[in-house]
Amino acid sequence: MLKKLSQVPVGQKAVIRSFEKDDIFLKLMEMGCVPGESVTIDLVAPLGDPISISVAGYNLSLRLEEADMIWVEVLQDEAIFNQ
């Protein structure tokens, strides 16, 4: 099931499938966000923006408007819960 990255809960793993807008595609690719790459939602700021993700061995901070442009496939059995 495809979702926007901004809709994925903390601790959940997903795989990047596509991007909504071409103008941000290059910026996201330079940061390691490429189709087929695994991504994990690490943290969400207290007011919901920005979010922190792990992708390609890096920790990145994305604005919600950027995360809204990334379509991912959620991996149902790959949730990671920080306790």
PDB file of N, CA and C in Angstrom:
ATOM      1  N   MET A   1       0.835  -1.181   0.000  1.00  0.00           N
ATOM      2  CA  MET A   1       0.000   0.000   0.000  1.00  0.00           C
ATOM      3  C   MET A   1       0.881   1.245   0.000  1.00  0.00           C
ATOM      4  N   LEU A   2       0.672   2.141  -0.945  1.00  0.00           N
ATOM      5  CA  LEU A   2       1.464   3.360  -1.027  1.00  0.00           C
ATOM      6  C   LEU A   2       0.872   4.447  -0.142  1.00  0.00           C
ATOM      7  N   LYS A   3       1.787   5.179   0.521  1.00  0.00           N
ATOM      8  CA  LYS A   3       1.421   6.306   1.374  1.00  0.00           C
ATOM      9  C   LYS A   3       2.431   7.414   1.147  1.00  0.00           C
ATOM     10  N   LYS A   4       2.049   8.615   1.548  1.00  0.00           N
ATOM     11  CA  LYS A   4       3.023   9.703   1.578  1.00  0.00           C
ATOM     12  C   LYS A   4       3.927   9.473   2.785  1.00  0.00           C
ATOM     13  N   LEU A   5       5.193   9.813   2.648  1.00  0.00           N
ATOM     14  CA  LEU A   5       6.139   9.628   3.746  1.00  0.00           C
ATOM     15  C   LEU A   5       5.673  10.366   5.000  1.00  0.00           C
ATOM     16  N   SER A   6       5.020  11.498   4.836  1.00  0.00           N
ATOM     17  CA  SER A   6       4.536  12.285   5.973  1.00  0.00           C
ATOM     18  C   SER A   6       3.458  11.559   6.774  1.00  0.00           C
ATOM     19  N   GLN A   7       2.857  10.517   6.218  1.00  0.00           N
ATOM     20  CA  GLN A   7       1.785   9.769   6.889  1.00  0.00           C
ATOM     21  C   GLN A   7       2.282   8.514   7.604  1.00  0.00           C
ATOM     22  N   VAL A   8       3.561   8.227   7.486  1.00  0.00           N
ATOM     23  CA  VAL A   8       4.127   7.015   8.087  1.00  0.00           C
ATOM     24  C   VAL A   8       4.469   7.304   9.551  1.00  0.00           C
ATOM     25  N   PRO A   9       4.062   6.435  10.481  1.00  0.00           N
ATOM     26  CA  PRO A   9       4.326   6.684  11.903  1.00  0.00           C
ATOM     27  C   PRO A   9       5.785   6.455  12.293  1.00  0.00           C
ATOM     28  N   VAL A  10       6.171   7.052  13.404  1.00  0.00           N
ATOM     29  CA  VAL A  10       7.521   6.894  13.950  1.00  0.00           C
ATOM     30  C   VAL A  10       7.800   5.415  14.197  1.00  0.00           C
ATOM     31  N   GLY A  11       9.003   4.985  13.816  1.00  0.00           N
ATOM     32  CA  GLY A  11       9.426   3.609  14.012  1.00  0.00           C
ATOM     33  C   GLY A  11       9.107   2.690  12.849  1.00  0.00           C
ATOM     34  N   GLN A  12       8.322   3.173  11.903  1.00  0.00           N
ATOM     35  CA  GLN A  12       7.911   2.341  10.771  1.00  0.00           C
ATOM     36  C   GLN A  12       8.941   2.416   9.649  1.00  0.00           C
ATOM     37  N   LYS A  13       9.195   1.283   9.013  1.00  0.00           N
ATOM     38  CA  LYS A  13      10.074   1.231   7.844  1.00  0.00           C
ATOM     39  C   LYS A  13       9.233   1.233   6.583  1.00  0.00           C
ATOM     40  N   ALA A  14       9.801   1.804   5.526  1.00  0.00           N
ATOM     41  CA  ALA A  14       9.120   1.859   4.233  1.00  0.00           C
ATOM     42  C   ALA A  14      10.175   1.878   3.133  1.00  0.00           C
ATOM     43  N   VAL A  15       9.724   1.702   1.902  1.00  0.00           N
ATOM     44  CA  VAL A  15      10.604   1.763   0.734  1.00  0.00           C
ATOM     45  C   VAL A  15      10.104   2.885  -0.161  1.00  0.00           C
ATOM     46  N   ILE A  16      11.017   3.759  -0.578  1.00  0.00           N
ATOM     47  CA  ILE A  16      10.658   4.870  -1.460  1.00  0.00           C
ATOM     48  C   ILE A  16      10.279   4.313  -2.824  1.00  0.00           C
ATOM     49  N   ARG A  17       9.125   4.726  -3.340  1.00  0.00           N
ATOM     50  CA  ARG A  17       8.641   4.250  -4.637  1.00  0.00           C
ATOM     51  C   ARG A  17       8.635   5.339  -5.703  1.00  0.00           C
ATOM     52  N   SER A  18       8.250   6.572  -5.357  1.00  0.00           N
ATOM     53  CA  SER A  18       8.200   7.634  -6.371  1.00  0.00           C
ATOM     54  C   SER A  18       8.101   8.998  -5.697  1.00  0.00           C
ATOM     55  N   PHE A  19       8.156  10.040  -6.539  1.00  0.00           N
ATOM     56  CA  PHE A  19       8.059  11.417  -6.079  1.00  0.00           C
ATOM     57  C   PHE A  19       6.911  12.108  -6.795  1.00  0.00           C
ATOM     58  N   GLU A  20       6.279  13.051  -6.101  1.00  0.00           N
ATOM     59  CA  GLU A  20       5.133  13.747  -6.656  1.00  0.00           C
ATOM     60  C   GLU A  20       5.525  14.872  -7.608  1.00  0.00           C
ATOM     61  N   LYS A  21       6.608  15.585  -7.327  1.00  0.00           N
ATOM     62  CA  LYS A  21       7.011  16.722  -8.150  1.00  0.00           C
ATOM     63  C   LYS A  21       8.441  16.533  -8.646  1.00  0.00           C
ATOM     64  N   ASP A  22       8.675  16.895  -9.889  1.00  0.00           N
ATOM     65  CA  ASP A  22      10.012  16.749 -10.461  1.00  0.00           C
ATOM     66  C   ASP A  22      11.011  17.759  -9.914  1.00  0.00           C
ATOM     67  N   ASP A  23      10.544  18.962  -9.530  1.00  0.00           N
ATOM     68  CA  ASP A  23      11.478  20.009  -9.113  1.00  0.00           C
ATOM     69  C   ASP A  23      12.212  19.671  -7.815  1.00  0.00           C
ATOM     70  N   ILE A  24      11.660  18.833  -6.982  1.00  0.00           N
ATOM     71  CA  ILE A  24      12.333  18.468  -5.739  1.00  0.00           C
ATOM     72  C   ILE A  24      13.088  17.142  -5.862  1.00  0.00           C
ATOM     73  N   PHE A  25      12.860  16.433  -6.958  1.00  0.00           N
ATOM     74  CA  PHE A  25      13.449  15.113  -7.154  1.00  0.00           C
ATOM     75  C   PHE A  25      14.970  15.136  -7.020  1.00  0.00           C
ATOM     76  N   LEU A  26      15.649  16.068  -7.674  1.00  0.00           N
ATOM     77  CA  LEU A  26      17.117  16.115  -7.623  1.00  0.00           C
ATOM     78  C   LEU A  26      17.631  16.396  -6.218  1.00  0.00           C
ATOM     79  N   LYS A  27      16.982  17.313  -5.511  1.00  0.00           N
ATOM     80  CA  LYS A  27      17.394  17.628  -4.139  1.00  0.00           C
ATOM     81  C   LYS A  27      17.279  16.386  -3.256  1.00  0.00           C
ATOM     82  N   LEU A  28      16.169  15.670  -3.376  1.00  0.00           N
ATOM     83  CA  LEU A  28      15.968  14.471  -2.569  1.00  0.00           C
ATOM     84  C   LEU A  28      16.939  13.359  -2.955  1.00  0.00           C
ATOM     85  N   MET A  29      17.230  13.222  -4.246  1.00  0.00           N
ATOM     86  CA  MET A  29      18.203  12.219  -4.695  1.00  0.00           C
ATOM     87  C   MET A  29      19.583  12.494  -4.121  1.00  0.00           C
ATOM     88  N   GLU A  30      19.984  13.763  -4.096  1.00  0.00           N
ATOM     89  CA  GLU A  30      21.289  14.131  -3.545  1.00  0.00           C
ATOM     90  C   GLU A  30      21.390  13.769  -2.068  1.00  0.00           C
ATOM     91  N   MET A  31      20.255  13.723  -1.377  1.00  0.00           N
ATOM     92  CA  MET A  31      20.232  13.380   0.044  1.00  0.00           C
ATOM     93  C   MET A  31      20.090  11.875   0.270  1.00  0.00           C
ATOM     94  N   GLY A  32      20.039  11.085  -0.810  1.00  0.00           N
ATOM     95  CA  GLY A  32      19.946   9.635  -0.676  1.00  0.00           C
ATOM     96  C   GLY A  32      18.545   9.075  -0.791  1.00  0.00           C
ATOM     97  N   CYS A  33      17.568   9.939  -1.017  1.00  0.00           N
ATOM     98  CA  CYS A  33      16.174   9.493  -1.164  1.00  0.00           C
ATOM     99  C   CYS A  33      15.928   9.126  -2.617  1.00  0.00           C
ATOM    100  N   VAL A  34      16.173   7.881  -2.947  1.00  0.00           N
ATOM    101  CA  VAL A  34      15.979   7.415  -4.319  1.00  0.00           C
ATOM    102  C   VAL A  34      14.990   6.250  -4.312  1.00  0.00           C
ATOM    103  N   PRO A  35      14.246   6.080  -5.389  1.00  0.00           N
ATOM    104  CA  PRO A  35      13.310   4.954  -5.448  1.00  0.00           C
ATOM    105  C   PRO A  35      14.021   3.628  -5.190  1.00  0.00           C
ATOM    106  N   GLY A  36      13.401   2.801  -4.351  1.00  0.00           N
ATOM    107  CA  GLY A  36      13.967   1.512  -3.975  1.00  0.00           C
ATOM    108  C   GLY A  36      14.737   1.540  -2.669  1.00  0.00           C
ATOM    109  N   GLU A  37      15.063   2.726  -2.184  1.00  0.00           N
ATOM    110  CA  GLU A  37      15.828   2.865  -0.940  1.00  0.00           C
ATOM    111  C   GLU A  37      14.911   2.709   0.274  1.00  0.00           C
ATOM    112  N   SER A  38      15.410   2.023   1.285  1.00  0.00           N
ATOM    113  CA  SER A  38      14.672   1.836   2.533  1.00  0.00           C
ATOM    114  C   SER A  38      14.777   3.098   3.386  1.00  0.00           C
ATOM    115  N   VAL A  39      13.697   3.445   4.069  1.00  0.00           N
ATOM    116  CA  VAL A  39      13.658   4.637   4.918  1.00  0.00           C
ATOM    117  C   VAL A  39      12.922   4.295   6.211  1.00  0.00           C
ATOM    118  N   THR A  40      13.395   4.870   7.321  1.00  0.00           N
ATOM    119  CA  THR A  40      12.746   4.690   8.618  1.00  0.00           C
ATOM    120  C   THR A  40      12.432   6.060   9.196  1.00  0.00           C
ATOM    121  N   ILE A  41      11.239   6.214   9.743  1.00  0.00           N
ATOM    122  CA  ILE A  41      10.864   7.454  10.414  1.00  0.00           C
ATOM    123  C   ILE A  41      11.395   7.372  11.838  1.00  0.00           C
ATOM    124  N   ASP A  42      12.300   8.291  12.199  1.00  0.00           N
ATOM    125  CA  ASP A  42      12.932   8.259  13.515  1.00  0.00           C
ATOM    126  C   ASP A  42      12.229   9.143  14.539  1.00  0.00           C
ATOM    127  N   LEU A  43      11.967  10.376  14.163  1.00  0.00           N
ATOM    128  CA  LEU A  43      11.384  11.350  15.093  1.00  0.00           C
ATOM    129  C   LEU A  43      10.460  12.306  14.356  1.00  0.00           C
ATOM    130  N   VAL A  44       9.499  12.838  15.103  1.00  0.00           N
ATOM    131  CA  VAL A  44       8.654  13.914  14.593  1.00  0.00           C
ATOM    132  C   VAL A  44       8.747  15.043  15.612  1.00  0.00           C
ATOM    133  N   ALA A  45       8.997  16.267  15.148  1.00  0.00           N
ATOM    134  CA  ALA A  45       9.101  17.416  16.042  1.00  0.00           C
ATOM    135  C   ALA A  45       7.792  17.603  16.814  1.00  0.00           C
ATOM    136  N   PRO A  46       7.851  18.245  17.979  1.00  0.00           N
ATOM    137  CA  PRO A  46       6.656  18.414  18.813  1.00  0.00           C
ATOM    138  C   PRO A  46       5.444  19.007  18.083  1.00  0.00           C
ATOM    139  N   LEU A  47       5.659  19.895  17.159  1.00  0.00           N
ATOM    140  CA  LEU A  47       4.543  20.483  16.413  1.00  0.00           C
ATOM    141  C   LEU A  47       4.306  19.773  15.083  1.00  0.00           C
ATOM    142  N   GLY A  48       5.000  18.641  14.875  1.00  0.00           N
ATOM    143  CA  GLY A  48       4.780  17.831  13.679  1.00  0.00           C
ATOM    144  C   GLY A  48       5.662  18.152  12.491  1.00  0.00           C
ATOM    145  N   ASP A  49       6.474  19.171  12.569  1.00  0.00           N
ATOM    146  CA  ASP A  49       7.313  19.583  11.446  1.00  0.00           C
ATOM    147  C   ASP A  49       8.597  20.174  11.997  1.00  0.00           C
ATOM    148  N   PRO A  50       9.762  19.679  11.617  1.00  0.00           N
ATOM    149  CA  PRO A  50      10.086  18.677  10.608  1.00  0.00           C
ATOM    150  C   PRO A  50      10.036  17.260  11.177  1.00  0.00           C
ATOM    151  N   ILE A  51      10.373  16.298  10.285  1.00  0.00           N
ATOM    152  CA  ILE A  51      10.511  14.910  10.704  1.00  0.00           C
ATOM    153  C   ILE A  51      11.957  14.483  10.469  1.00  0.00           C
ATOM    154  N   SER A  52      12.412  13.519  11.240  1.00  0.00           N
ATOM    155  CA  SER A  52      13.757  12.975  11.085  1.00  0.00           C
ATOM    156  C   SER A  52      13.629  11.561  10.534  1.00  0.00           C
ATOM    157  N   ILE A  53      14.417  11.276   9.488  1.00  0.00           N
ATOM    158  CA  ILE A  53      14.377   9.956   8.864  1.00  0.00           C
ATOM    159  C   ILE A  53      15.787   9.394   8.744  1.00  0.00           C
ATOM    160  N   SER A  54      15.873   8.081   8.630  1.00  0.00           N
ATOM    161  CA  SER A  54      17.131   7.401   8.307  1.00  0.00           C
ATOM    162  C   SER A  54      16.984   6.845   6.904  1.00  0.00           C
ATOM    163  N   VAL A  55      17.945   7.185   6.038  1.00  0.00           N
ATOM    164  CA  VAL A  55      17.927   6.700   4.662  1.00  0.00           C
ATOM    165  C   VAL A  55      19.363   6.611   4.166  1.00  0.00           C
ATOM    166  N   ALA A  56      19.703   5.523   3.524  1.00  0.00           N
ATOM    167  CA  ALA A  56      21.027   5.317   2.932  1.00  0.00           C
ATOM    168  C   ALA A  56      22.156   5.528   3.941  1.00  0.00           C
ATOM    169  N   GLY A  57      21.929   5.137   5.196  1.00  0.00           N
ATOM    170  CA  GLY A  57      22.959   5.267   6.217  1.00  0.00           C
ATOM    171  C   GLY A  57      23.101   6.653   6.806  1.00  0.00           C
ATOM    172  N   TYR A  58      22.209   7.562   6.470  1.00  0.00           N
ATOM    173  CA  TYR A  58      22.256   8.939   6.964  1.00  0.00           C
ATOM    174  C   TYR A  58      20.981   9.273   7.720  1.00  0.00           C
ATOM    175  N   ASN A  59      21.087  10.249   8.630  1.00  0.00           N
ATOM    176  CA  ASN A  59      19.914  10.813   9.289  1.00  0.00           C
ATOM    177  C   ASN A  59      19.622  12.151   8.632  1.00  0.00           C
ATOM    178  N   LEU A  60      18.402  12.319   8.172  1.00  0.00           N
ATOM    179  CA  LEU A  60      18.000  13.546   7.493  1.00  0.00           C
ATOM    180  C   LEU A  60      16.798  14.157   8.172  1.00  0.00           C
ATOM    181  N   SER A  61      16.691  15.467   8.064  1.00  0.00           N
ATOM    182  CA  SER A  61      15.520  16.181   8.542  1.00  0.00           C
ATOM    183  C   SER A  61      14.789  16.730   7.326  1.00  0.00           C
ATOM    184  N   LEU A  62      13.497  16.420   7.238  1.00  0.00           N
ATOM    185  CA  LEU A  62      12.684  16.881   6.112  1.00  0.00           C
ATOM    186  C   LEU A  62      11.506  17.696   6.610  1.00  0.00           C
ATOM    187  N   ARG A  63      11.172  18.740   5.871  1.00  0.00           N
ATOM    188  CA  ARG A  63       9.936  19.466   6.146  1.00  0.00           C
ATOM    189  C   ARG A  63       8.768  18.587   5.726  1.00  0.00           C
ATOM    190  N   LEU A  64       7.613  18.817   6.328  1.00  0.00           N
ATOM    191  CA  LEU A  64       6.431  18.037   5.960  1.00  0.00           C
ATOM    192  C   LEU A  64       6.081  18.214   4.492  1.00  0.00           C
ATOM    193  N   GLU A  65       6.281  19.428   3.958  1.00  0.00           N
ATOM    194  CA  GLU A  65       5.962  19.643   2.537  1.00  0.00           C
ATOM    195  C   GLU A  65       6.858  18.802   1.639  1.00  0.00           C
ATOM    196  N   GLU A  66       8.096  18.544   2.065  1.00  0.00           N
ATOM    197  CA  GLU A  66       8.981  17.658   1.305  1.00  0.00           C
ATOM    198  C   GLU A  66       8.545  16.197   1.467  1.00  0.00           C
ATOM    199  N   ALA A  67       8.226  15.809   2.702  1.00  0.00           N
ATOM    200  CA  ALA A  67       7.793  14.435   2.970  1.00  0.00           C
ATOM    201  C   ALA A  67       6.470  14.124   2.263  1.00  0.00           C
ATOM    202  N   ASP A  68       5.648  15.146   2.042  1.00  0.00           N
ATOM    203  CA  ASP A  68       4.376  14.971   1.326  1.00  0.00           C
ATOM    204  C   ASP A  68       4.584  14.610  -0.142  1.00  0.00           C
ATOM    205  N   MET A  69       5.756  14.862  -0.673  1.00  0.00           N
ATOM    206  CA  MET A  69       6.032  14.612  -2.089  1.00  0.00           C
ATOM    207  C   MET A  69       6.676  13.252  -2.337  1.00  0.00           C
ATOM    208  N   ILE A  70       6.946  12.507  -1.270  1.00  0.00           N
ATOM    209  CA  ILE A  70       7.600  11.204  -1.392  1.00  0.00           C
ATOM    210  C   ILE A  70       6.569  10.105  -1.144  1.00  0.00           C
ATOM    211  N   TRP A  71       6.387   9.240  -2.133  1.00  0.00           N
ATOM    212  CA  TRP A  71       5.470   8.101  -2.005  1.00  0.00           C
ATOM    213  C   TRP A  71       6.270   6.868  -1.628  1.00  0.00           C
ATOM    214  N   VAL A  72       5.827   6.182  -0.576  1.00  0.00           N
ATOM    215  CA  VAL A  72       6.535   5.010  -0.067  1.00  0.00           C
ATOM    216  C   VAL A  72       5.586   3.826   0.050  1.00  0.00           C
ATOM    217  N   GLU A  73       6.188   2.644   0.067  1.00  0.00           N
ATOM    218  CA  GLU A  73       5.448   1.418   0.358  1.00  0.00           C
ATOM    219  C   GLU A  73       5.817   1.005   1.775  1.00  0.00           C
ATOM    220  N   VAL A  74       4.847   0.971   2.657  1.00  0.00           N
ATOM    221  CA  VAL A  74       5.085   0.633   4.058  1.00  0.00           C
ATOM    222  C   VAL A  74       5.356  -0.860   4.176  1.00  0.00           C
ATOM    223  N   LEU A  75       6.394  -1.193   4.940  1.00  0.00           N
ATOM    224  CA  LEU A  75       6.750  -2.588   5.191  1.00  0.00           C
ATOM    225  C   LEU A  75       6.074  -3.008   6.488  1.00  0.00           C
ATOM    226  N   GLN A  76       5.031  -3.785   6.384  1.00  0.00           N
ATOM    227  CA  GLN A  76       4.186  -4.132   7.531  1.00  0.00           C
ATOM    228  C   GLN A  76       4.930  -4.834   8.661  1.00  0.00           C
ATOM    229  N   ASP A  77       5.887  -5.674   8.344  1.00  0.00           N
ATOM    230  CA  ASP A  77       6.568  -6.453   9.374  1.00  0.00           C
ATOM    231  C   ASP A  77       7.886  -5.836   9.816  1.00  0.00           C
ATOM    232  N   GLU A  78       8.115  -4.580   9.473  1.00  0.00           N
ATOM    233  CA  GLU A  78       9.415  -3.970   9.732  1.00  0.00           C
ATOM    234  C   GLU A  78       9.348  -2.778  10.676  1.00  0.00           C
ATOM    235  N   ALA A  79       8.385  -2.721  11.561  1.00  0.00           N
ATOM    236  CA  ALA A  79       8.305  -1.605  12.504  1.00  0.00           C
ATOM    237  C   ALA A  79       9.419  -1.726  13.537  1.00  0.00           C
ATOM    238  N   ILE A  80      10.002  -0.590  13.876  1.00  0.00           N
ATOM    239  CA  ILE A  80      11.049  -0.526  14.890  1.00  0.00           C
ATOM    240  C   ILE A  80      10.528   0.403  15.978  1.00  0.00           C
ATOM    241  N   PHE A  81      10.445  -0.096  17.179  1.00  0.00           N
ATOM    242  CA  PHE A  81       9.930   0.727  18.265  1.00  0.00           C
ATOM    243  C   PHE A  81      11.052   1.034  19.238  1.00  0.00           C
ATOM    244  N   ASN A  82      11.270   2.326  19.469  1.00  0.00           N
ATOM    245  CA  ASN A  82      12.304   2.763  20.401  1.00  0.00           C
ATOM    246  C   ASN A  82      11.717   2.764  21.806  1.00  0.00           C
ATOM    247  N   GLN A  83      12.302   1.978  22.681  1.00  0.00           N
ATOM    248  CA  GLN A  83      11.800   1.931  24.057  1.00  0.00           C
ATOM    249  C   GLN A  83      12.917   2.203  25.015  1.00  0.00           C
TER     250      GLN A  83
END
